[in-house]
Amino acid sequence: MYHYVRPIKKSEFPHINGLEVSGFQRQITFFKNNFEIAGIDFLLDSINLQKNENKECVVLTFDDGLKDHYNHVFPILKDKDIQGLFFSPAKPIMENIVLDVHKIHFILASVRDKSILVKDVFDKIKEYQIEYEIDEPQNLWKKLAVPNRFDSAEIIFLKRILQRELPYDIRKTITSELFERYVSNDERDFSKQLYLSFDEINEMVESGMYFSSHGYSHEWLSYLSQEMLEKEIKDSVVFCKKVNPDKEQIMCYPYGNFDLMVVEKIKKYNFQAGLTTEVGDAELNENNRFKLKRYDTNDFPQ
């Protein structure tokens, strides 16, 4: 599972949490020396036909529809005749906006002292408490500030509070204000620099790369109402058919988030599998087709 792949140390955002291109190149060499690198046909055939050839295989997946993938990943994969599986949220590409998930990434990359951002969010919550029923910031901190294997308590708190915990309109407003304050006041231009274009996607597809769904607007799917979930998936399908019309579709759950309702909904739209962020080997069989595990790039040598 890959996200940002770029020359990070020499970039405008040297503290973005991503993978240096040189590290990606070394990792591809490691995979080629230790695994068979497979693609979408192997993945779906293994599930649908219950084929088990006992191969040590790895499939490379790239989330979020980032221009990094065209500029730095695609040339390497093309040169080595490797198929990458790319999962793009549709909204930023179709509407030239920056998704909140990425606004948060670049806010975090722009402010070294995360306590400043926590204070900013606390102050905004207190403002909104005048009109809305929102829990005390300290209580929200206790609930959400649980570090994981990659992020500190402060970073997890900021991600969760701005990704899902606050009411939709409030979290979007706070995120946009912080993005404009610390990152950029030209969202449209930033979006064009950050995300793939249709021309770039078409070139990658014509060269054998696979594209499918990462939702329409990269929401936590299990937190959506039935109506919003239906629209989120339906709109993402329209995008998938536009960029890769002849391929069977699989869903890469945004944030790895799904539940039974989400699975039933994507089955309705004929998705053939679902990729999670749960760590481990993907068991390619019928029982696991909608809950395939993945490893992060950081789980392997670079």
Foldseek 3Di string as FASTA:
>chain_A
DAEAEDCQCPDPQNQQPHHYLVQVLVVVVVCVVPFAEDEDVVQLCCAPVVDCPVGRYDAAEYEAQWCNCLPRVLVVCLVVVHAHEYAHQAACQVPLFDFLLVLLSRLPSQDVPLVVVLVLVQVLVVVCVVPDVDDHSVVLLVVFQDDDPPDHSSSRSLNPVLQPDDPPVSSVVSSLVSSVVGPHPDRNVVSVNTHDYLVSLLVSVVSPYHYAHQWNRLHQLVRDDPVVNLVRLVVRVVVNCVRPVPDAHAYEYRQQHDDPSSVVSVVVVRHQAYEGAAADQFDRYNVHRHYGYDHDSVVDGD
